[in-house]
Amino acid sequence: MHLGQQGQIESQYSMCDYCNSEQVGADEARFNKLAMNAFKKQVFKTV
C-alpha cells in the first residue's frame, strides 16, 4: 500500500532447502526494490 493505493508486485526470493525459510540475496533485493519503485511511480501518476 502506498498513499492509500493498494497493488500487487512480483517479489523474488529463494527458499532454503533445509529449513524452508525465505531468503533474499542482493540480486533479488534489487529486483524487489525496482518493482516497488515502479509501483510508487504508478501511484504518483494517478494522484
N, C-alpha and C. Protein backbone atom coordinates (compact mmCIF):
# COMPACT_ATOMS: atom_id res chain seq x y z
N MET A 1 0.85 -1.15 0.00
CA MET A 1 0.00 0.00 0.00
C MET A 1 0.90 1.23 0.00
N HIS A 2 0.54 2.20 -0.83
CA HIS A 2 1.29 3.45 -0.90
C HIS A 2 0.31 4.57 -1.18
N LEU A 3 0.30 5.57 -0.33
CA LEU A 3 -0.61 6.72 -0.44
C LEU A 3 -2.06 6.27 -0.57
N GLY A 4 -2.43 5.24 0.17
CA GLY A 4 -3.79 4.74 0.18
C GLY A 4 -4.14 3.84 -1.00
N GLN A 5 -3.21 3.62 -1.90
CA GLN A 5 -3.45 2.77 -3.06
C GLN A 5 -2.87 1.38 -2.80
N GLN A 6 -3.66 0.37 -3.13
CA GLN A 6 -3.18 -1.00 -2.98
C GLN A 6 -2.78 -1.54 -4.34
N GLY A 7 -1.83 -2.41 -4.34
CA GLY A 7 -1.39 -3.04 -5.57
C GLY A 7 -0.67 -4.33 -5.27
N GLN A 8 -0.32 -5.02 -6.31
CA GLN A 8 0.39 -6.28 -6.14
C GLN A 8 1.64 -6.22 -7.01
N ILE A 9 2.78 -6.51 -6.41
CA ILE A 9 4.03 -6.54 -7.15
C ILE A 9 4.63 -7.94 -7.06
N GLU A 10 5.43 -8.26 -8.04
CA GLU A 10 6.13 -9.55 -8.03
C GLU A 10 7.37 -9.42 -7.16
N SER A 11 7.55 -10.34 -6.25
CA SER A 11 8.73 -10.37 -5.40
C SER A 11 9.56 -11.60 -5.72
N GLN A 12 10.86 -11.45 -5.67
CA GLN A 12 11.75 -12.58 -5.89
C GLN A 12 12.46 -12.91 -4.59
N TYR A 13 12.62 -14.19 -4.34
CA TYR A 13 13.33 -14.67 -3.16
C TYR A 13 13.73 -16.11 -3.42
N SER A 14 14.57 -16.64 -2.57
CA SER A 14 14.91 -18.06 -2.65
C SER A 14 14.53 -18.71 -1.33
N MET A 15 14.33 -20.01 -1.38
CA MET A 15 13.91 -20.73 -0.19
C MET A 15 14.96 -21.77 0.18
N CYS A 16 15.30 -21.82 1.45
CA CYS A 16 16.28 -22.77 1.96
C CYS A 16 15.71 -24.19 1.85
N ASP A 17 16.46 -25.09 1.26
CA ASP A 17 16.02 -26.48 1.12
C ASP A 17 15.95 -27.19 2.47
N TYR A 18 16.74 -26.73 3.43
CA TYR A 18 16.82 -27.40 4.72
C TYR A 18 15.72 -26.95 5.68
N CYS A 19 15.55 -25.63 5.84
CA CYS A 19 14.61 -25.13 6.85
C CYS A 19 13.40 -24.41 6.26
N ASN A 20 13.33 -24.32 4.92
CA ASN A 20 12.22 -23.67 4.22
C ASN A 20 12.04 -22.19 4.54
N SER A 21 13.09 -21.54 5.02
CA SER A 21 12.99 -20.10 5.26
C SER A 21 13.23 -19.35 3.95
N GLU A 22 12.55 -18.21 3.81
CA GLU A 22 12.70 -17.38 2.63
C GLU A 22 13.91 -16.47 2.82
N GLN A 23 14.74 -16.38 1.80
CA GLN A 23 15.94 -15.55 1.87
C GLN A 23 16.01 -14.68 0.63
N VAL A 24 16.54 -13.47 0.81
CA VAL A 24 16.68 -12.55 -0.30
C VAL A 24 18.15 -12.19 -0.44
N GLY A 25 18.70 -12.48 -1.60
CA GLY A 25 20.08 -12.10 -1.89
C GLY A 25 20.13 -10.71 -2.52
N ALA A 26 21.30 -10.28 -2.89
CA ALA A 26 21.48 -8.94 -3.44
C ALA A 26 20.70 -8.74 -4.74
N ASP A 27 20.73 -9.71 -5.63
CA ASP A 27 20.02 -9.58 -6.90
C ASP A 27 18.51 -9.53 -6.70
N GLU A 28 18.00 -10.39 -5.82
CA GLU A 28 16.56 -10.40 -5.54
C GLU A 28 16.13 -9.09 -4.87
N ALA A 29 16.95 -8.60 -3.94
CA ALA A 29 16.62 -7.35 -3.25
C ALA A 29 16.56 -6.19 -4.23
N ARG A 30 17.48 -6.16 -5.18
CA ARG A 30 17.49 -5.10 -6.19
C ARG A 30 16.23 -5.18 -7.05
N PHE A 31 15.87 -6.39 -7.49
CA PHE A 31 14.65 -6.57 -8.29
C PHE A 31 13.42 -6.11 -7.51
N ASN A 32 13.32 -6.51 -6.24
CA ASN A 32 12.17 -6.15 -5.41
C ASN A 32 12.09 -4.64 -5.21
N LYS A 33 13.23 -3.99 -5.02
CA LYS A 33 13.24 -2.54 -4.84
C LYS A 33 12.78 -1.84 -6.12
N LEU A 34 13.26 -2.31 -7.27
CA LEU A 34 12.83 -1.73 -8.54
C LEU A 34 11.33 -1.91 -8.76
N ALA A 35 10.80 -3.08 -8.40
CA ALA A 35 9.37 -3.34 -8.56
C ALA A 35 8.55 -2.41 -7.67
N MET A 36 9.01 -2.19 -6.44
CA MET A 36 8.30 -1.30 -5.52
C MET A 36 8.37 0.14 -6.01
N ASN A 37 9.52 0.56 -6.50
CA ASN A 37 9.65 1.92 -7.02
C ASN A 37 8.76 2.14 -8.24
N ALA A 38 8.62 1.13 -9.09
CA ALA A 38 7.73 1.22 -10.25
C ALA A 38 6.29 1.37 -9.79
N PHE A 39 5.89 0.63 -8.75
CA PHE A 39 4.54 0.75 -8.21
C PHE A 39 4.31 2.16 -7.66
N LYS A 40 5.28 2.68 -6.91
CA LYS A 40 5.15 4.02 -6.34
C LYS A 40 5.02 5.06 -7.45
N LYS A 41 5.79 4.90 -8.52
CA LYS A 41 5.73 5.83 -9.64
C LYS A 41 4.35 5.78 -10.29
N GLN A 42 3.79 4.60 -10.40
CA GLN A 42 2.45 4.43 -10.98
C GLN A 42 1.41 5.12 -10.11
N VAL A 43 1.54 5.02 -8.79
CA VAL A 43 0.60 5.66 -7.87
C VAL A 43 0.68 7.18 -8.00
N PHE A 44 1.89 7.72 -8.09
CA PHE A 44 2.06 9.17 -8.21
C PHE A 44 1.41 9.70 -9.48
N LYS A 45 1.40 8.91 -10.55
CA LYS A 45 0.77 9.34 -11.81
C LYS A 45 -0.74 9.45 -11.67
N THR A 46 -1.34 8.65 -10.79
CA THR A 46 -2.80 8.64 -10.64
C THR A 46 -3.28 9.61 -9.57
N VAL A 47 -2.37 10.13 -8.75
CA VAL A 47 -2.78 11.04 -7.66
C VAL A 47 -2.72 12.46 -8.13
